[in-house]
């Protein structure tokens, strides 16, 4: 299953969703769209996404959001970053696409296509 953590108000997220919908249709793969601002992710889900992305937790945060500065997250530890993401879902970088145990941030949207290379049609 393909999962996209999506913000419908974000143009890059909408562009990525269109790409993922095309892949889903072409390869007959189920697609789950998660509006993470309506259904906030918990700490375990965020940690799982971090593992799938293979990077630091700080790479999952939108540094240009007001809360990033007001909460002094630039030098925060992972526990603080996770708590901030749970309390303020808009801090989550978007969109994130997860497939077969790996994930990618769709900035630019085409980056997520690497998740689907070497996959066969179901």
PDB file of N, CA and C in Angstrom:
ATOM      1  N   UNK A   1       0.835  -1.182   0.000  1.00  0.00           N
ATOM      2  CA  UNK A   1       0.000   0.000   0.000  1.00  0.00           C
ATOM      3  C   UNK A   1       0.880   1.246   0.000  1.00  0.00           C
ATOM      4  N   UNK A   2       0.451   2.219  -0.766  1.00  0.00           N
ATOM      5  CA  UNK A   2       1.093   3.532  -0.773  1.00  0.00           C
ATOM      6  C   UNK A   2       0.353   4.393   0.240  1.00  0.00           C
ATOM      7  N   UNK A   3       1.093   5.109   1.069  1.00  0.00           N
ATOM      8  CA  UNK A   3       0.493   6.060   1.997  1.00  0.00           C
ATOM      9  C   UNK A   3       1.106   7.423   1.743  1.00  0.00           C
ATOM     10  N   UNK A   4       0.257   8.435   1.624  1.00  0.00           N
ATOM     11  CA  UNK A   4       0.739   9.808   1.505  1.00  0.00           C
ATOM     12  C   UNK A   4       0.201  10.607   2.684  1.00  0.00           C
ATOM     13  N   UNK A   5       1.109  11.273   3.366  1.00  0.00           N
ATOM     14  CA  UNK A   5       0.765  12.180   4.458  1.00  0.00           C
ATOM     15  C   UNK A   5       0.645  13.545   3.798  1.00  0.00           C
ATOM     16  N   UNK A   6      -0.585  14.013   3.702  1.00  0.00           N
ATOM     17  CA  UNK A   6      -0.978  15.056   2.764  1.00  0.00           C
ATOM     18  C   UNK A   6      -1.603  16.251   3.473  1.00  0.00           C
ATOM     19  N   UNK A   7      -1.315  17.430   2.926  1.00  0.00           N
ATOM     20  CA  UNK A   7      -1.989  18.657   3.348  1.00  0.00           C
ATOM     21  C   UNK A   7      -2.662  19.224   2.103  1.00  0.00           C
ATOM     22  N   UNK A   8      -3.993  19.143   2.018  1.00  0.00           N
ATOM     23  CA  UNK A   8      -4.676  19.582   0.811  1.00  0.00           C
ATOM     24  C   UNK A   8      -4.510  21.070   0.501  1.00  0.00           C
ATOM     25  N   UNK A   9      -4.065  21.853   1.457  1.00  0.00           N
ATOM     26  CA  UNK A   9      -3.868  23.286   1.219  1.00  0.00           C
ATOM     27  C   UNK A   9      -2.505  23.601   0.608  1.00  0.00           C
ATOM     28  N   UNK A  10      -1.638  22.612   0.499  1.00  0.00           N
ATOM     29  CA  UNK A  10      -0.270  22.806   0.001  1.00  0.00           C
ATOM     30  C   UNK A  10      -0.182  22.392  -1.468  1.00  0.00           C
ATOM     31  N   UNK A  11       0.329  23.280  -2.309  1.00  0.00           N
ATOM     32  CA  UNK A  11       0.414  22.982  -3.747  1.00  0.00           C
ATOM     33  C   UNK A  11       1.358  21.812  -4.023  1.00  0.00           C
ATOM     34  N   UNK A  12       2.484  21.738  -3.339  1.00  0.00           N
ATOM     35  CA  UNK A  12       3.424  20.624  -3.549  1.00  0.00           C
ATOM     36  C   UNK A  12       2.794  19.297  -3.116  1.00  0.00           C
ATOM     37  N   UNK A  13       2.021  19.346  -2.063  1.00  0.00           N
ATOM     38  CA  UNK A  13       1.347  18.142  -1.597  1.00  0.00           C
ATOM     39  C   UNK A  13       0.293  17.696  -2.619  1.00  0.00           C
ATOM     40  N   UNK A  14      -0.441  18.636  -3.178  1.00  0.00           N
ATOM     41  CA  UNK A  14      -1.432  18.294  -4.205  1.00  0.00           C
ATOM     42  C   UNK A  14      -0.756  17.737  -5.456  1.00  0.00           C
ATOM     43  N   UNK A  15       0.374  18.331  -5.859  1.00  0.00           N
ATOM     44  CA  UNK A  15       1.114  17.829  -7.025  1.00  0.00           C
ATOM     45  C   UNK A  15       1.614  16.405  -6.775  1.00  0.00           C
ATOM     46  N   UNK A  16       2.132  16.179  -5.583  1.00  0.00           N
ATOM     47  CA  UNK A  16       2.636  14.847  -5.233  1.00  0.00           C
ATOM     48  C   UNK A  16       1.495  13.843  -5.195  1.00  0.00           C
ATOM     49  N   UNK A  17       0.368  14.243  -4.636  1.00  0.00           N
ATOM     50  CA  UNK A  17      -0.790  13.352  -4.599  1.00  0.00           C
ATOM     51  C   UNK A  17      -1.193  12.940  -6.016  1.00  0.00           C
ATOM     52  N   UNK A  18      -1.192  13.872  -6.955  1.00  0.00           N
ATOM     53  CA  UNK A  18      -1.545  13.542  -8.341  1.00  0.00           C
ATOM     54  C   UNK A  18      -0.576  12.510  -8.923  1.00  0.00           C
ATOM     55  N   UNK A  19       0.724  12.683  -8.661  1.00  0.00           N
ATOM     56  CA  UNK A  19       1.721  11.713  -9.137  1.00  0.00           C
ATOM     57  C   UNK A  19       1.481  10.334  -8.530  1.00  0.00           C
ATOM     58  N   UNK A  20       1.230  10.317  -7.234  1.00  0.00           N
ATOM     59  CA  UNK A  20       1.045   9.050  -6.522  1.00  0.00           C
ATOM     60  C   UNK A  20      -0.255   8.371  -6.967  1.00  0.00           C
ATOM     61  N   UNK A  21      -1.288   9.158  -7.218  1.00  0.00           N
ATOM     62  CA  UNK A  21      -2.537   8.579  -7.713  1.00  0.00           C
ATOM     63  C   UNK A  21      -2.315   7.918  -9.073  1.00  0.00           C
ATOM     64  N   UNK A  22      -1.498   8.534  -9.904  1.00  0.00           N
ATOM     65  CA  UNK A  22      -1.193   7.967 -11.216  1.00  0.00           C
ATOM     66  C   UNK A  22      -0.457   6.631 -11.062  1.00  0.00           C
ATOM     67  N   UNK A  23       0.557   6.604 -10.196  1.00  0.00           N
ATOM     68  CA  UNK A  23       1.302   5.361  -9.952  1.00  0.00           C
ATOM     69  C   UNK A  23       0.365   4.294  -9.388  1.00  0.00           C
ATOM     70  N   UNK A  24      -0.463   4.690  -8.443  1.00  0.00           N
ATOM     71  CA  UNK A  24      -1.410   3.764  -7.828  1.00  0.00           C
ATOM     72  C   UNK A  24      -2.323   3.144  -8.879  1.00  0.00           C
ATOM     73  N   UNK A  25      -2.815   3.965  -9.778  1.00  0.00           N
ATOM     74  CA  UNK A  25      -3.701   3.491 -10.836  1.00  0.00           C
ATOM     75  C   UNK A  25      -2.965   2.593 -11.830  1.00  0.00           C
ATOM     76  N   UNK A  26      -1.797   3.036 -12.275  1.00  0.00           N
ATOM     77  CA  UNK A  26      -1.028   2.283 -13.271  1.00  0.00           C
ATOM     78  C   UNK A  26      -0.560   0.932 -12.746  1.00  0.00           C
ATOM     79  N   UNK A  27      -0.189   0.886 -11.467  1.00  0.00           N
ATOM     80  CA  UNK A  27       0.365  -0.349 -10.900  1.00  0.00           C
ATOM     81  C   UNK A  27      -0.646  -1.117 -10.052  1.00  0.00           C
ATOM     82  N   UNK A  28      -1.888  -0.634 -10.050  1.00  0.00           N
ATOM     83  CA  UNK A  28      -2.952  -1.290  -9.301  1.00  0.00           C
ATOM     84  C   UNK A  28      -2.574  -1.466  -7.826  1.00  0.00           C
ATOM     85  N   UNK A  29      -2.078  -0.393  -7.226  1.00  0.00           N
ATOM     86  CA  UNK A  29      -1.659  -0.403  -5.825  1.00  0.00           C
ATOM     87  C   UNK A  29      -2.659   0.384  -4.991  1.00  0.00           C
ATOM     88  N   UNK A  30      -3.041  -0.140  -3.831  1.00  0.00           N
ATOM     89  CA  UNK A  30      -3.939   0.622  -2.965  1.00  0.00           C
ATOM     90  C   UNK A  30      -3.246   1.884  -2.455  1.00  0.00           C
ATOM     91  N   UNK A  31      -4.041   2.930  -2.274  1.00  0.00           N
ATOM     92  CA  UNK A  31      -3.518   4.228  -1.836  1.00  0.00           C
ATOM     93  C   UNK A  31      -4.301   4.709  -0.628  1.00  0.00           C
ATOM     94  N   UNK A  32      -3.564   5.097   0.401  1.00  0.00           N
ATOM     95  CA  UNK A  32      -4.163   5.700   1.592  1.00  0.00           C
ATOM     96  C   UNK A  32      -3.701   7.149   1.660  1.00  0.00           C
ATOM     97  N   UNK A  33      -4.660   8.066   1.763  1.00  0.00           N
ATOM     98  CA  UNK A  33      -4.353   9.483   1.883  1.00  0.00           C
ATOM     99  C   UNK A  33      -4.652   9.893   3.323  1.00  0.00           C
ATOM    100  N   UNK A  34      -3.616  10.364   4.019  1.00  0.00           N
ATOM    101  CA  UNK A  34      -3.754  10.765   5.416  1.00  0.00           C
ATOM    102  C   UNK A  34      -3.602  12.278   5.501  1.00  0.00           C
ATOM    103  N   UNK A  35      -4.682  12.956   5.875  1.00  0.00           N
ATOM    104  CA  UNK A  35      -4.613  14.394   6.136  1.00  0.00           C
ATOM    105  C   UNK A  35      -4.116  14.529   7.576  1.00  0.00           C
ATOM    106  N   UNK A  36      -2.812  14.673   7.717  1.00  0.00           N
ATOM    107  CA  UNK A  36      -2.189  14.611   9.043  1.00  0.00           C
ATOM    108  C   UNK A  36      -2.551  15.801   9.926  1.00  0.00           C
ATOM    109  N   UNK A  37      -3.141  16.837   9.360  1.00  0.00           N
ATOM    110  CA  UNK A  37      -3.575  17.954  10.200  1.00  0.00           C
ATOM    111  C   UNK A  37      -4.931  17.660  10.838  1.00  0.00           C
ATOM    112  N   UNK A  38      -5.731  16.822  10.198  1.00  0.00           N
ATOM    113  CA  UNK A  38      -7.011  16.411  10.777  1.00  0.00           C
ATOM    114  C   UNK A  38      -6.836  15.203  11.681  1.00  0.00           C
ATOM    115  N   UNK A  39      -5.936  14.309  11.304  1.00  0.00           N
ATOM    116  CA  UNK A  39      -5.647  13.099  12.084  1.00  0.00           C
ATOM    117  C   UNK A  39      -4.168  13.130  12.450  1.00  0.00           C
ATOM    118  N   UNK A  40      -3.865  13.820  13.539  1.00  0.00           N
ATOM    119  CA  UNK A  40      -2.465  14.002  13.941  1.00  0.00           C
ATOM    120  C   UNK A  40      -1.787  12.655  14.181  1.00  0.00           C
ATOM    121  N   UNK A  41      -0.529  12.584  13.798  1.00  0.00           N
ATOM    122  CA  UNK A  41       0.258  11.373  14.002  1.00  0.00           C
ATOM    123  C   UNK A  41       0.740  11.308  15.442  1.00  0.00           C
ATOM    124  N   UNK A  42       0.872  10.088  15.963  1.00  0.00           N
ATOM    125  CA  UNK A  42       1.396   9.932  17.315  1.00  0.00           C
ATOM    126  C   UNK A  42       2.913   9.725  17.255  1.00  0.00           C
ATOM    127  N   UNK A  43       3.525   9.643  18.405  1.00  0.00           N
ATOM    128  CA  UNK A  43       4.987   9.533  18.473  1.00  0.00           C
ATOM    129  C   UNK A  43       5.486   8.277  17.756  1.00  0.00           C
ATOM    130  N   UNK A  44       4.828   7.147  17.961  1.00  0.00           N
ATOM    131  CA  UNK A  44       5.265   5.902  17.310  1.00  0.00           C
ATOM    132  C   UNK A  44       5.184   6.021  15.787  1.00  0.00           C
ATOM    133  N   UNK A  45       4.128   6.626  15.277  1.00  0.00           N
ATOM    134  CA  UNK A  45       3.993   6.806  13.827  1.00  0.00           C
ATOM    135  C   UNK A  45       5.084   7.722  13.283  1.00  0.00           C
ATOM    136  N   UNK A  46       5.381   8.777  14.009  1.00  0.00           N
ATOM    137  CA  UNK A  46       6.433   9.707  13.582  1.00  0.00           C
ATOM    138  C   UNK A  46       7.802   9.032  13.593  1.00  0.00           C
ATOM    139  N   UNK A  47       8.072   8.234  14.618  1.00  0.00           N
ATOM    140  CA  UNK A  47       9.347   7.515  14.677  1.00  0.00           C
ATOM    141  C   UNK A  47       9.459   6.516  13.527  1.00  0.00           C
ATOM    142  N   UNK A  48       8.354   5.868  13.195  1.00  0.00           N
ATOM    143  CA  UNK A  48       8.344   4.916  12.081  1.00  0.00           C
ATOM    144  C   UNK A  48       8.632   5.642  10.762  1.00  0.00           C
ATOM    145  N   UNK A  49       8.011   6.792  10.565  1.00  0.00           N
ATOM    146  CA  UNK A  49       8.280   7.583   9.362  1.00  0.00           C
ATOM    147  C   UNK A  49       9.737   8.010   9.302  1.00  0.00           C
ATOM    148  N   UNK A  50      10.291   8.405  10.440  1.00  0.00           N
ATOM    149  CA  UNK A  50      11.700   8.802  10.478  1.00  0.00           C
ATOM    150  C   UNK A  50      12.587   7.640  10.032  1.00  0.00           C
ATOM    151  N   UNK A  51      12.302   6.444  10.518  1.00  0.00           N
ATOM    152  CA  UNK A  51      13.078   5.264  10.111  1.00  0.00           C
ATOM    153  C   UNK A  51      12.947   5.021   8.615  1.00  0.00           C
ATOM    154  N   UNK A  52      11.746   5.164   8.094  1.00  0.00           N
ATOM    155  CA  UNK A  52      11.530   4.945   6.668  1.00  0.00           C
ATOM    156  C   UNK A  52      12.256   5.995   5.827  1.00  0.00           C
ATOM    157  N   UNK A  53      12.296   7.217   6.313  1.00  0.00           N
ATOM    158  CA  UNK A  53      12.989   8.289   5.598  1.00  0.00           C
ATOM    159  C   UNK A  53      14.502   8.124   5.680  1.00  0.00           C
ATOM    160  N   UNK A  54      14.969   7.517   6.770  1.00  0.00           N
ATOM    161  CA  UNK A  54      16.398   7.268   6.919  1.00  0.00           C
ATOM    162  C   UNK A  54      17.219   8.498   7.244  1.00  0.00           C
ATOM    163  N   UNK A  55      16.598   9.488   7.820  1.00  0.00           N
ATOM    164  CA  UNK A  55      17.325  10.714   8.151  1.00  0.00           C
ATOM    165  C   UNK A  55      17.054  11.155   9.570  1.00  0.00           C
ATOM    166  N   UNK A  56      17.464  12.356   9.860  1.00  0.00           N
ATOM    167  CA  UNK A  56      17.264  12.898  11.201  1.00  0.00           C
ATOM    168  C   UNK A  56      15.823  13.369  11.358  1.00  0.00           C
ATOM    169  N   UNK A  57      15.384  13.403  12.579  1.00  0.00           N
ATOM    170  CA  UNK A  57      14.045  13.887  12.878  1.00  0.00           C
ATOM    171  C   UNK A  57      13.901  15.353  12.477  1.00  0.00           C
ATOM    172  N   UNK A  58      14.953  16.123  12.644  1.00  0.00           N
ATOM    173  CA  UNK A  58      14.880  17.550  12.311  1.00  0.00           C
ATOM    174  C   UNK A  58      14.583  17.774  10.829  1.00  0.00           C
ATOM    175  N   UNK A  59      14.957  16.818   9.968  1.00  0.00           N
ATOM    176  CA  UNK A  59      14.673  16.944   8.531  1.00  0.00           C
ATOM    177  C   UNK A  59      13.180  16.831   8.239  1.00  0.00           C
ATOM    178  N   UNK A  60      12.416  16.341   9.195  1.00  0.00           N
ATOM    179  CA  UNK A  60      10.976  16.186   9.016  1.00  0.00           C
ATOM    180  C   UNK A  60      10.204  17.443   9.408  1.00  0.00           C
ATOM    181  N   UNK A  61      10.904  18.451   9.894  1.00  0.00           N
ATOM    182  CA  UNK A  61      10.230  19.655  10.369  1.00  0.00           C
ATOM    183  C   UNK A  61      10.322  20.799   9.369  1.00  0.00           C
ATOM    184  N   UNK A  62       9.252  21.583   9.330  1.00  0.00           N
ATOM    185  CA  UNK A  62       9.204  22.779   8.499  1.00  0.00           C
ATOM    186  C   UNK A  62       9.768  23.939   9.321  1.00  0.00           C
ATOM    187  N   UNK A  63      10.974  24.328   9.013  1.00  0.00           N
ATOM    188  CA  UNK A  63      11.672  25.349   9.791  1.00  0.00           C
ATOM    189  C   UNK A  63      11.094  26.746   9.597  1.00  0.00           C
ATOM    190  N   UNK A  64      10.314  26.957   8.550  1.00  0.00           N
ATOM    191  CA  UNK A  64       9.773  28.286   8.288  1.00  0.00           C
ATOM    192  C   UNK A  64       8.454  28.565   9.013  1.00  0.00           C
ATOM    193  N   UNK A  65       7.937  27.600   9.737  1.00  0.00           N
ATOM    194  CA  UNK A  65       6.706  27.819  10.500  1.00  0.00           C
ATOM    195  C   UNK A  65       7.011  28.624  11.762  1.00  0.00           C
ATOM    196  N   UNK A  66       6.069  29.486  12.152  1.00  0.00           N
ATOM    197  CA  UNK A  66       6.247  30.334  13.337  1.00  0.00           C
ATOM    198  C   UNK A  66       6.538  29.511  14.592  1.00  0.00           C
ATOM    199  N   UNK A  67       5.871  28.372  14.726  1.00  0.00           N
ATOM    200  CA  UNK A  67       6.057  27.532  15.911  1.00  0.00           C
ATOM    201  C   UNK A  67       7.482  27.003  16.028  1.00  0.00           C
ATOM    202  N   UNK A  68       8.137  26.809  14.902  1.00  0.00           N
ATOM    203  CA  UNK A  68       9.511  26.312  14.930  1.00  0.00           C
ATOM    204  C   UNK A  68      10.398  27.271  15.723  1.00  0.00           C
ATOM    205  N   UNK A  69      10.260  28.557  15.448  1.00  0.00           N
ATOM    206  CA  UNK A  69      11.057  29.565  16.163  1.00  0.00           C
ATOM    207  C   UNK A  69      10.537  29.778  17.580  1.00  0.00           C
ATOM    208  N   UNK A  70       9.220  29.887  17.731  1.00  0.00           N
ATOM    209  CA  UNK A  70       8.673  30.198  19.055  1.00  0.00           C
ATOM    210  C   UNK A  70       8.915  29.078  20.064  1.00  0.00           C
ATOM    211  N   UNK A  71       9.046  27.848  19.582  1.00  0.00           N
ATOM    212  CA  UNK A  71       9.327  26.716  20.470  1.00  0.00           C
ATOM    213  C   UNK A  71      10.821  26.414  20.581  1.00  0.00           C
ATOM    214  N   UNK A  72      11.657  27.229  19.928  1.00  0.00           N
ATOM    215  CA  UNK A  72      13.117  27.066  19.960  1.00  0.00           C
ATOM    216  C   UNK A  72      13.533  25.643  19.577  1.00  0.00           C
ATOM    217  N   UNK A  73      13.086  25.189  18.410  1.00  0.00           N
ATOM    218  CA  UNK A  73      13.326  23.810  18.004  1.00  0.00           C
ATOM    219  C   UNK A  73      14.645  23.587  17.278  1.00  0.00           C
ATOM    220  N   UNK A  74      15.351  24.642  16.938  1.00  0.00           N
ATOM    221  CA  UNK A  74      16.590  24.493  16.162  1.00  0.00           C
ATOM    222  C   UNK A  74      17.616  23.603  16.864  1.00  0.00           C
ATOM    223  N   UNK A  75      17.715  23.682  18.163  1.00  0.00           N
ATOM    224  CA  UNK A  75      18.691  22.887  18.916  1.00  0.00           C
ATOM    225  C   UNK A  75      18.027  21.846  19.821  1.00  0.00           C
ATOM    226  N   UNK A  76      16.756  21.556  19.568  1.00  0.00           N
ATOM    227  CA  UNK A  76      15.999  20.657  20.441  1.00  0.00           C
ATOM    228  C   UNK A  76      16.401  19.193  20.232  1.00  0.00           C
ATOM    229  N   UNK A  77      16.224  18.396  21.291  1.00  0.00           N
ATOM    230  CA  UNK A  77      16.487  16.958  21.178  1.00  0.00           C
ATOM    231  C   UNK A  77      15.282  16.269  20.524  1.00  0.00           C
ATOM    232  N   UNK A  78      15.452  14.999  20.182  1.00  0.00           N
ATOM    233  CA  UNK A  78      14.401  14.273  19.465  1.00  0.00           C
ATOM    234  C   UNK A  78      13.097  14.196  20.253  1.00  0.00           C
ATOM    235  N   UNK A  79      13.184  14.013  21.555  1.00  0.00           N
ATOM    236  CA  UNK A  79      11.979  13.933  22.382  1.00  0.00           C
ATOM    237  C   UNK A  79      11.158  15.217  22.268  1.00  0.00           C
ATOM    238  N   UNK A  80      11.838  16.352  22.305  1.00  0.00           N
ATOM    239  CA  UNK A  80      11.170  17.649  22.181  1.00  0.00           C
ATOM    240  C   UNK A  80      10.591  17.831  20.785  1.00  0.00           C
ATOM    241  N   UNK A  81      11.346  17.411  19.764  1.00  0.00           N
ATOM    242  CA  UNK A  81      10.860  17.528  18.385  1.00  0.00           C
ATOM    243  C   UNK A  81       9.612  16.674  18.172  1.00  0.00           C
ATOM    244  N   UNK A  82       9.619  15.460  18.688  1.00  0.00           N
ATOM    245  CA  UNK A  82       8.449  14.590  18.559  1.00  0.00           C
ATOM    246  C   UNK A  82       7.231  15.195  19.249  1.00  0.00           C
ATOM    247  N   UNK A  83       7.424  15.707  20.447  1.00  0.00           N
ATOM    248  CA  UNK A  83       6.319  16.335  21.173  1.00  0.00           C
ATOM    249  C   UNK A  83       5.776  17.535  20.398  1.00  0.00           C
ATOM    250  N   UNK A  84       6.670  18.300  19.790  1.00  0.00           N
ATOM    251  CA  UNK A  84       6.243  19.461  19.001  1.00  0.00           C
ATOM    252  C   UNK A  84       5.444  19.027  17.775  1.00  0.00           C
ATOM    253  N   UNK A  85       5.881  17.958  17.107  1.00  0.00           N
ATOM    254  CA  UNK A  85       5.157  17.466  15.928  1.00  0.00           C
ATOM    255  C   UNK A  85       3.768  16.939  16.292  1.00  0.00           C
ATOM    256  N   UNK A  86       3.652  16.304  17.439  1.00  0.00           N
ATOM    257  CA  UNK A  86       2.349  15.813  17.882  1.00  0.00           C
ATOM    258  C   UNK A  86       1.433  16.988  18.223  1.00  0.00           C
ATOM    259  N   UNK A  87       1.961  17.970  18.924  1.00  0.00           N
ATOM    260  CA  UNK A  87       1.160  19.120  19.350  1.00  0.00           C
ATOM    261  C   UNK A  87       0.865  20.094  18.211  1.00  0.00           C
ATOM    262  N   UNK A  88       1.766  20.168  17.242  1.00  0.00           N
ATOM    263  CA  UNK A  88       1.646  21.135  16.139  1.00  0.00           C
ATOM    264  C   UNK A  88       1.874  20.412  14.808  1.00  0.00           C
ATOM    265  N   UNK A  89       0.871  19.688  14.318  1.00  0.00           N
ATOM    266  CA  UNK A  89       1.055  18.885  13.097  1.00  0.00           C
ATOM    267  C   UNK A  89       1.527  19.685  11.884  1.00  0.00           C
ATOM    268  N   UNK A  90       1.238  20.976  11.845  1.00  0.00           N
ATOM    269  CA  UNK A  90       1.661  21.744  10.672  1.00  0.00           C
ATOM    270  C   UNK A  90       3.178  21.879  10.584  1.00  0.00           C
ATOM    271  N   UNK A  91       3.886  21.511  11.645  1.00  0.00           N
ATOM    272  CA  UNK A  91       5.349  21.517  11.607  1.00  0.00           C
ATOM    273  C   UNK A  91       5.917  20.374  10.762  1.00  0.00           C
ATOM    274  N   UNK A  92       5.099  19.354  10.476  1.00  0.00           N
ATOM    275  CA  UNK A  92       5.577  18.205   9.711  1.00  0.00           C
ATOM    276  C   UNK A  92       5.832  18.602   8.261  1.00  0.00           C
ATOM    277  N   UNK A  93       7.014  18.260   7.782  1.00  0.00           N
ATOM    278  CA  UNK A  93       7.345  18.500   6.376  1.00  0.00           C
ATOM    279  C   UNK A  93       6.335  17.753   5.515  1.00  0.00           C
ATOM    280  N   UNK A  94       5.994  18.334   4.394  1.00  0.00           N
ATOM    281  CA  UNK A  94       4.966  17.729   3.559  1.00  0.00           C
ATOM    282  C   UNK A  94       5.298  17.842   2.094  1.00  0.00           C
ATOM    283  N   UNK A  95       4.756  16.935   1.333  1.00  0.00           N
ATOM    284  CA  UNK A  95       4.105  15.689   1.712  1.00  0.00           C
ATOM    285  C   UNK A  95       5.143  14.601   1.945  1.00  0.00           C
ATOM    286  N   UNK A  96       4.757  13.573   2.671  1.00  0.00           N
ATOM    287  CA  UNK A  96       5.612  12.399   2.846  1.00  0.00           C
ATOM    288  C   UNK A  96       4.865  11.208   2.253  1.00  0.00           C
ATOM    289  N   UNK A  97       5.559  10.456   1.414  1.00  0.00           N
ATOM    290  CA  UNK A  97       4.982   9.259   0.803  1.00  0.00           C
ATOM    291  C   UNK A  97       5.753   8.049   1.316  1.00  0.00           C
ATOM    292  N   UNK A  98       5.000   7.032   1.730  1.00  0.00           N
ATOM    293  CA  UNK A  98       5.577   5.803   2.266  1.00  0.00           C
ATOM    294  C   UNK A  98       5.131   4.626   1.404  1.00  0.00           C
ATOM    295  N   UNK A  99       6.110   3.740   1.096  1.00  0.00           N
ATOM    296  CA  UNK A  99       5.802   2.561   0.285  1.00  0.00           C
ATOM    297  C   UNK A  99       6.874   1.498   0.518  1.00  0.00           C
ATOM    298  N   UNK A 100       6.439   0.292   0.794  1.00  0.00           N
ATOM    299  CA  UNK A 100       7.329  -0.864   0.984  1.00  0.00           C
ATOM    300  C   UNK A 100       8.479  -0.591   1.953  1.00  0.00           C
ATOM    301  N   UNK A 101       8.165   0.025   3.088  1.00  0.00           N
ATOM    302  CA  UNK A 101       9.162   0.228   4.129  1.00  0.00           C
ATOM    303  C   UNK A 101      10.097   1.399   3.929  1.00  0.00           C
ATOM    304  N   UNK A 102       9.869   2.182   2.881  1.00  0.00           N
ATOM    305  CA  UNK A 102      10.683   3.372   2.646  1.00  0.00           C
ATOM    306  C   UNK A 102       9.760   4.566   2.482  1.00  0.00           C
ATOM    307  N   UNK A 103      10.319   5.754   2.675  1.00  0.00           N
ATOM    308  CA  UNK A 103       9.529   6.974   2.532  1.00  0.00           C
ATOM    309  C   UNK A 103      10.382   8.057   1.894  1.00  0.00           C
ATOM    310  N   UNK A 104       9.698   9.043   1.332  1.00  0.00           N
ATOM    311  CA  UNK A 104      10.375  10.189   0.725  1.00  0.00           C
ATOM    312  C   UNK A 104       9.504  11.422   0.919  1.00  0.00           C
ATOM    313  N   UNK A 105      10.171  12.554   1.064  1.00  0.00           N
ATOM    314  CA  UNK A 105       9.481  13.837   1.145  1.00  0.00           C
ATOM    315  C   UNK A 105       9.357  14.377  -0.276  1.00  0.00           C
ATOM    316  N   UNK A 106       8.163  14.771  -0.658  1.00  0.00           N
ATOM    317  CA  UNK A 106       7.889  15.214  -2.022  1.00  0.00           C
ATOM    318  C   UNK A 106       8.227  16.664  -2.286  1.00  0.00           C
ATOM    319  N   UNK A 107       9.468  17.020  -2.088  1.00  0.00           N
ATOM    320  CA  UNK A 107       9.946  18.374  -2.394  1.00  0.00           C
ATOM    321  C   UNK A 107      11.251  18.246  -3.150  1.00  0.00           C
ATOM    322  N   UNK A 108      11.221  18.312  -4.465  1.00  0.00           N
ATOM    323  CA  UNK A 108      10.057  18.471  -5.333  1.00  0.00           C
ATOM    324  C   UNK A 108       9.245  17.174  -5.420  1.00  0.00           C
ATOM    325  N   UNK A 109       8.018  17.262  -5.930  1.00  0.00           N
ATOM    326  CA  UNK A 109       7.137  16.092  -5.972  1.00  0.00           C
ATOM    327  C   UNK A 109       7.752  14.867  -6.638  1.00  0.00           C
ATOM    328  N   UNK A 110       8.567  15.064  -7.652  1.00  0.00           N
ATOM    329  CA  UNK A 110       9.152  13.948  -8.400  1.00  0.00           C
ATOM    330  C   UNK A 110      10.060  13.065  -7.550  1.00  0.00           C
ATOM    331  N   UNK A 111      10.530  13.567  -6.419  1.00  0.00           N
ATOM    332  CA  UNK A 111      11.403  12.761  -5.555  1.00  0.00           C
ATOM    333  C   UNK A 111      10.732  11.474  -5.092  1.00  0.00           C
ATOM    334  N   UNK A 112       9.423  11.494  -4.941  1.00  0.00           N
ATOM    335  CA  UNK A 112       8.746  10.297  -4.433  1.00  0.00           C
ATOM    336  C   UNK A 112       8.718   9.173  -5.465  1.00  0.00           C
ATOM    337  N   UNK A 113       8.923   9.488  -6.729  1.00  0.00           N
ATOM    338  CA  UNK A 113       8.881   8.455  -7.768  1.00  0.00           C
ATOM    339  C   UNK A 113       9.979   7.412  -7.583  1.00  0.00           C
ATOM    340  N   UNK A 114      11.060   7.784  -6.894  1.00  0.00           N
ATOM    341  CA  UNK A 114      12.141   6.823  -6.641  1.00  0.00           C
ATOM    342  C   UNK A 114      11.658   5.641  -5.796  1.00  0.00           C
ATOM    343  N   UNK A 115      10.598   5.830  -5.029  1.00  0.00           N
ATOM    344  CA  UNK A 115      10.049   4.743  -4.208  1.00  0.00           C
ATOM    345  C   UNK A 115       9.458   3.625  -5.060  1.00  0.00           C
ATOM    346  N   UNK A 116       9.094   3.945  -6.290  1.00  0.00           N
ATOM    347  CA  UNK A 116       8.370   2.994  -7.131  1.00  0.00           C
ATOM    348  C   UNK A 116       9.219   2.387  -8.235  1.00  0.00           C
ATOM    349  N   UNK A 117      10.497   2.721  -8.270  1.00  0.00           N
ATOM    350  CA  UNK A 117      11.377   2.114  -9.270  1.00  0.00           C
ATOM    351  C   UNK A 117      11.569   0.644  -8.929  1.00  0.00           C
ATOM    352  N   UNK A 118      11.664  -0.168  -9.964  1.00  0.00           N
ATOM    353  CA  UNK A 118      11.878  -1.614  -9.819  1.00  0.00           C
ATOM    354  C   UNK A 118      10.735  -2.324  -9.106  1.00  0.00           C
ATOM    355  N   UNK A 119       9.533  -1.760  -9.182  1.00  0.00           N
ATOM    356  CA  UNK A 119       8.376  -2.473  -8.646  1.00  0.00           C
ATOM    357  C   UNK A 119       7.605  -3.057  -9.815  1.00  0.00           C
ATOM    358  N   UNK A 120       6.970  -4.158  -9.558  1.00  0.00           N
ATOM    359  CA  UNK A 120       6.188  -4.793 -10.618  1.00  0.00           C
ATOM    360  C   UNK A 120       4.718  -4.511 -10.391  1.00  0.00           C
ATOM    361  N   UNK A 121       3.959  -4.603 -11.443  1.00  0.00           N
ATOM    362  CA  UNK A 121       2.519  -4.391 -11.323  1.00  0.00           C
ATOM    363  C   UNK A 121       1.912  -5.539 -10.536  1.00  0.00           C
ATOM    364  N   UNK A 122       0.987  -5.185  -9.673  1.00  0.00           N
ATOM    365  CA  UNK A 122       0.328  -6.206  -8.842  1.00  0.00           C
ATOM    366  C   UNK A 122      -0.750  -6.920  -9.635  1.00  0.00           C
TER     367      UNK A 122
END
